[in-house]
Amino acid sequence: MKLKHLFPALLVTLAALVQAQDPDQVYKDLRSSTSFVHPSFNGKVDLGQVRDAANQVKPYEFRLLAIPQLGNKWVKNGTEQRGAFAKYVMDSKLGLGDKGIIVVLTKKGMSAYNKKLSASELTSLSHSAVQVYKSDGNINT
């Protein structure tokens, strides 16, 4: 009888593990792909526009990381530190250095990072990108 009661709990645990994204695998995929879009953004991110954006910023390598939220490590006083997270991903996880531009999109906003672009250029890039996604009401800035 105990086994009968454990089975539903085991199924719930397995389902949670299947749904969880392995961050290392996400970064590995992002090294060879233009974007990683979490399933919660399905239908909200136009991958055609992502490819167009990647072509427009050449010779830079463009990457989009669309995730629901940042982990607790990247939230300070209730505010996501997307810029710092983008820098971390670019430098530590993707290794693109100054050859890449990364845009991090969460449900709370969007930030871009590149070592060579000025803060005002990155802000302009972020604001332009936000306007594309803000129209459907799924992103807060």
C-alpha atoms as a PDB file:
ATOM      1  CA  MET A   1       0.000   0.000   0.000  1.00  0.00           C
ATOM      2  CA  LYS A   2       2.818   2.421   0.714  1.00  0.00           C
ATOM      3  CA  LEU A   3       4.082   1.997  -2.836  1.00  0.00           C
ATOM      4  CA  LYS A   4       0.625   2.862  -4.146  1.00  0.00           C
ATOM      5  CA  HIS A   5       0.730   6.209  -2.271  1.00  0.00           C
ATOM      6  CA  LEU A   6       4.297   6.991  -3.380  1.00  0.00           C
ATOM      7  CA  PHE A   7       3.553   6.567  -7.087  1.00  0.00           C
ATOM      8  CA  PRO A   8       1.618   9.866  -7.531  1.00  0.00           C
ATOM      9  CA  ALA A   9       4.356  11.772  -5.684  1.00  0.00           C
ATOM     10  CA  LEU A  10       6.973  10.178  -7.933  1.00  0.00           C
ATOM     11  CA  LEU A  11       5.050  11.229 -11.046  1.00  0.00           C
ATOM     12  CA  VAL A  12       4.834  14.820  -9.814  1.00  0.00           C
ATOM     13  CA  THR A  13       8.571  14.866  -9.107  1.00  0.00           C
ATOM     14  CA  LEU A  14       9.403  13.440 -12.528  1.00  0.00           C
ATOM     15  CA  ALA A  15       7.134  15.948 -14.257  1.00  0.00           C
ATOM     16  CA  ALA A  16       8.885  18.804 -12.454  1.00  0.00           C
ATOM     17  CA  LEU A  17      12.280  17.496 -13.527  1.00  0.00           C
ATOM     18  CA  VAL A  18      11.208  17.199 -17.151  1.00  0.00           C
ATOM     19  CA  GLN A  19       9.898  20.780 -17.178  1.00  0.00           C
ATOM     20  CA  ALA A  20      13.016  22.236 -15.546  1.00  0.00           C
ATOM     21  CA  GLN A  21      15.553  23.699 -17.950  1.00  0.00           C
ATOM     22  CA  ASP A  22      19.182  22.786 -17.389  1.00  0.00           C
ATOM     23  CA  PRO A  23      20.954  26.174 -17.496  1.00  0.00           C
ATOM     24  CA  ASP A  24      24.162  24.650 -18.836  1.00  0.00           C
ATOM     25  CA  GLN A  25      22.248  23.079 -21.716  1.00  0.00           C
ATOM     26  CA  VAL A  26      20.554  26.428 -22.434  1.00  0.00           C
ATOM     27  CA  TYR A  27      23.944  28.141 -22.663  1.00  0.00           C
ATOM     28  CA  LYS A  28      25.331  25.305 -24.792  1.00  0.00           C
ATOM     29  CA  ASP A  29      22.398  25.628 -27.193  1.00  0.00           C
ATOM     30  CA  LEU A  30      22.777  29.411 -27.265  1.00  0.00           C
ATOM     31  CA  ARG A  31      26.423  29.104 -28.348  1.00  0.00           C
ATOM     32  CA  SER A  32      25.317  27.563 -31.635  1.00  0.00           C
ATOM     33  CA  SER A  33      21.899  29.186 -32.095  1.00  0.00           C
ATOM     34  CA  THR A  34      20.663  32.759 -32.438  1.00  0.00           C
ATOM     35  CA  SER A  35      18.117  32.375 -29.646  1.00  0.00           C
ATOM     36  CA  PHE A  36      16.791  30.438 -26.713  1.00  0.00           C
ATOM     37  CA  VAL A  37      13.101  31.079 -26.137  1.00  0.00           C
ATOM     38  CA  HIS A  38      11.510  29.577 -23.041  1.00  0.00           C
ATOM     39  CA  PRO A  39       8.153  27.873 -23.754  1.00  0.00           C
ATOM     40  CA  SER A  40       6.366  30.606 -21.767  1.00  0.00           C
ATOM     41  CA  PHE A  41       7.266  32.987 -24.632  1.00  0.00           C
ATOM     42  CA  ASN A  42       5.885  30.724 -27.378  1.00  0.00           C
ATOM     43  CA  GLY A  43       3.747  32.846 -29.676  1.00  0.00           C
ATOM     44  CA  LYS A  44       5.131  36.042 -28.134  1.00  0.00           C
ATOM     45  CA  VAL A  45       8.560  36.088 -29.755  1.00  0.00           C
ATOM     46  CA  ASP A  46       8.733  36.208 -33.545  1.00  0.00           C
ATOM     47  CA  LEU A  47      11.787  34.140 -34.459  1.00  0.00           C
ATOM     48  CA  GLY A  48      11.730  35.664 -37.946  1.00  0.00           C
ATOM     49  CA  GLN A  49      12.284  39.080 -36.361  1.00  0.00           C
ATOM     50  CA  VAL A  50      15.079  37.600 -34.250  1.00  0.00           C
ATOM     51  CA  ARG A  51      16.797  36.310 -37.416  1.00  0.00           C
ATOM     52  CA  ASP A  52      16.290  39.709 -39.097  1.00  0.00           C
ATOM     53  CA  ALA A  53      17.820  41.447 -36.069  1.00  0.00           C
ATOM     54  CA  ALA A  54      20.777  39.053 -36.182  1.00  0.00           C
ATOM     55  CA  ASN A  55      21.360  39.900 -39.838  1.00  0.00           C
ATOM     56  CA  GLN A  56      21.109  43.648 -39.184  1.00  0.00           C
ATOM     57  CA  VAL A  57      23.803  43.697 -36.499  1.00  0.00           C
ATOM     58  CA  LYS A  58      26.415  41.752 -38.457  1.00  0.00           C
ATOM     59  CA  PRO A  59      29.395  41.441 -38.053  1.00  0.00           C
ATOM     60  CA  TYR A  60      28.291  41.011 -34.420  1.00  0.00           C
ATOM     61  CA  GLU A  61      26.969  37.623 -33.295  1.00  0.00           C
ATOM     62  CA  PHE A  62      23.420  38.258 -32.048  1.00  0.00           C
ATOM     63  CA  ARG A  63      21.854  36.176 -29.269  1.00  0.00           C
ATOM     64  CA  LEU A  64      18.403  36.396 -27.672  1.00  0.00           C
ATOM     65  CA  LEU A  65      17.759  34.765 -24.321  1.00  0.00           C
ATOM     66  CA  ALA A  66      14.023  34.869 -23.513  1.00  0.00           C
ATOM     67  CA  ILE A  67      13.245  33.501 -20.059  1.00  0.00           C
ATOM     68  CA  PRO A  68      10.365  34.153 -17.647  1.00  0.00           C
ATOM     69  CA  GLN A  69      12.503  35.648 -14.885  1.00  0.00           C
ATOM     70  CA  LEU A  70      16.011  35.830 -13.514  1.00  0.00           C
ATOM     71  CA  GLY A  71      17.115  33.780 -10.533  1.00  0.00           C
ATOM     72  CA  ASN A  72      17.302  35.333  -7.066  1.00  0.00           C
ATOM     73  CA  LYS A  73      21.025  35.991  -7.506  1.00  0.00           C
ATOM     74  CA  TRP A  74      20.161  38.515 -10.249  1.00  0.00           C
ATOM     75  CA  VAL A  75      17.419  40.408  -8.371  1.00  0.00           C
ATOM     76  CA  LYS A  76      18.386  43.338  -6.143  1.00  0.00           C
ATOM     77  CA  ASN A  77      15.758  45.229  -4.139  1.00  0.00           C
ATOM     78  CA  GLY A  78      13.018  43.681  -6.282  1.00  0.00           C
ATOM     79  CA  THR A  79      14.618  44.786  -9.576  1.00  0.00           C
ATOM     80  CA  GLU A  80      16.025  42.334 -12.094  1.00  0.00           C
ATOM     81  CA  GLN A  81      19.647  43.044 -12.975  1.00  0.00           C
ATOM     82  CA  ARG A  82      19.242  42.050 -16.629  1.00  0.00           C
ATOM     83  CA  GLY A  83      22.205  44.126 -17.822  1.00  0.00           C
ATOM     84  CA  ALA A  84      24.567  42.479 -15.352  1.00  0.00           C
ATOM     85  CA  PHE A  85      23.098  39.074 -16.193  1.00  0.00           C
ATOM     86  CA  ALA A  86      23.524  39.722 -19.935  1.00  0.00           C
ATOM     87  CA  LYS A  87      27.181  40.656 -19.347  1.00  0.00           C
ATOM     88  CA  TYR A  88      27.688  37.493 -17.275  1.00  0.00           C
ATOM     89  CA  VAL A  89      26.139  35.269 -19.948  1.00  0.00           C
ATOM     90  CA  MET A  90      28.097  36.946 -22.755  1.00  0.00           C
ATOM     91  CA  ASP A  91      31.449  36.834 -20.988  1.00  0.00           C
ATOM     92  CA  SER A  92      31.244  33.710 -18.829  1.00  0.00           C
ATOM     93  CA  LYS A  93      28.861  31.392 -20.641  1.00  0.00           C
ATOM     94  CA  LEU A  94      29.008  32.226 -24.353  1.00  0.00           C
ATOM     95  CA  GLY A  95      32.547  33.556 -24.643  1.00  0.00           C
ATOM     96  CA  LEU A  96      31.692  35.857 -27.547  1.00  0.00           C
ATOM     97  CA  GLY A  97      33.571  38.799 -26.046  1.00  0.00           C
ATOM     98  CA  ASP A  98      33.176  42.017 -28.011  1.00  0.00           C
ATOM     99  CA  LYS A  99      32.010  40.066 -31.092  1.00  0.00           C
ATOM    100  CA  GLY A 100      28.537  39.473 -29.681  1.00  0.00           C
ATOM    101  CA  ILE A 101      25.371  41.312 -28.735  1.00  0.00           C
ATOM    102  CA  ILE A 102      23.013  39.604 -26.322  1.00  0.00           C
ATOM    103  CA  VAL A 103      19.457  40.628 -25.529  1.00  0.00           C
ATOM    104  CA  VAL A 104      17.931  39.217 -22.345  1.00  0.00           C
ATOM    105  CA  LEU A 105      14.136  39.268 -22.329  1.00  0.00           C
ATOM    106  CA  THR A 106      12.079  38.496 -19.236  1.00  0.00           C
ATOM    107  CA  LYS A 107       8.467  39.208 -18.357  1.00  0.00           C
ATOM    108  CA  LYS A 108       9.692  42.314 -16.521  1.00  0.00           C
ATOM    109  CA  GLY A 109      11.720  43.852 -19.331  1.00  0.00           C
ATOM    110  CA  MET A 110      14.605  43.627 -21.721  1.00  0.00           C
ATOM    111  CA  SER A 111      18.300  44.530 -21.657  1.00  0.00           C
ATOM    112  CA  ALA A 112      21.109  44.315 -24.189  1.00  0.00           C
ATOM    113  CA  TYR A 113      24.859  43.965 -23.737  1.00  0.00           C
ATOM    114  CA  ASN A 114      27.983  44.339 -25.857  1.00  0.00           C
ATOM    115  CA  LYS A 115      31.461  45.353 -24.648  1.00  0.00           C
ATOM    116  CA  LYS A 116      32.045  47.888 -27.439  1.00  0.00           C
ATOM    117  CA  LEU A 117      28.657  49.604 -27.634  1.00  0.00           C
ATOM    118  CA  SER A 118      28.033  52.583 -25.380  1.00  0.00           C
ATOM    119  CA  ALA A 119      25.373  52.557 -22.686  1.00  0.00           C
ATOM    120  CA  SER A 120      23.218  54.923 -24.764  1.00  0.00           C
ATOM    121  CA  GLU A 121      23.489  52.665 -27.839  1.00  0.00           C
ATOM    122  CA  LEU A 122      22.524  49.631 -25.772  1.00  0.00           C
ATOM    123  CA  THR A 123      19.647  51.533 -24.179  1.00  0.00           C
ATOM    124  CA  SER A 124      18.427  52.572 -27.620  1.00  0.00           C
ATOM    125  CA  LEU A 125      18.672  48.965 -28.822  1.00  0.00           C
ATOM    126  CA  SER A 126      16.745  47.745 -25.778  1.00  0.00           C
ATOM    127  CA  HIS A 127      14.016  50.388 -26.150  1.00  0.00           C
ATOM    128  CA  SER A 128      13.589  49.605 -29.840  1.00  0.00           C
ATOM    129  CA  ALA A 129      13.282  45.908 -29.103  1.00  0.00           C
ATOM    130  CA  VAL A 130      10.827  46.515 -26.258  1.00  0.00           C
ATOM    131  CA  GLN A 131       8.512  48.414 -28.604  1.00  0.00           C
ATOM    132  CA  VAL A 132       8.247  45.316 -30.792  1.00  0.00           C
ATOM    133  CA  TYR A 133       7.131  43.131 -27.868  1.00  0.00           C
ATOM    134  CA  LYS A 134       5.266  45.692 -25.755  1.00  0.00           C
ATOM    135  CA  SER A 135       2.392  45.879 -28.222  1.00  0.00           C
ATOM    136  CA  ASP A 136       0.997  42.543 -27.039  1.00  0.00           C
ATOM    137  CA  GLY A 137       1.072  43.625 -23.393  1.00  0.00           C
ATOM    138  CA  ASN A 138       3.245  40.768 -22.190  1.00  0.00           C
ATOM    139  CA  ILE A 139       6.273  42.761 -21.138  1.00  0.00           C
ATOM    140  CA  ASN A 140       6.610  45.396 -18.460  1.00  0.00           C
ATOM    141  CA  THR A 141       9.263  48.082 -18.567  1.00  0.00           C
END
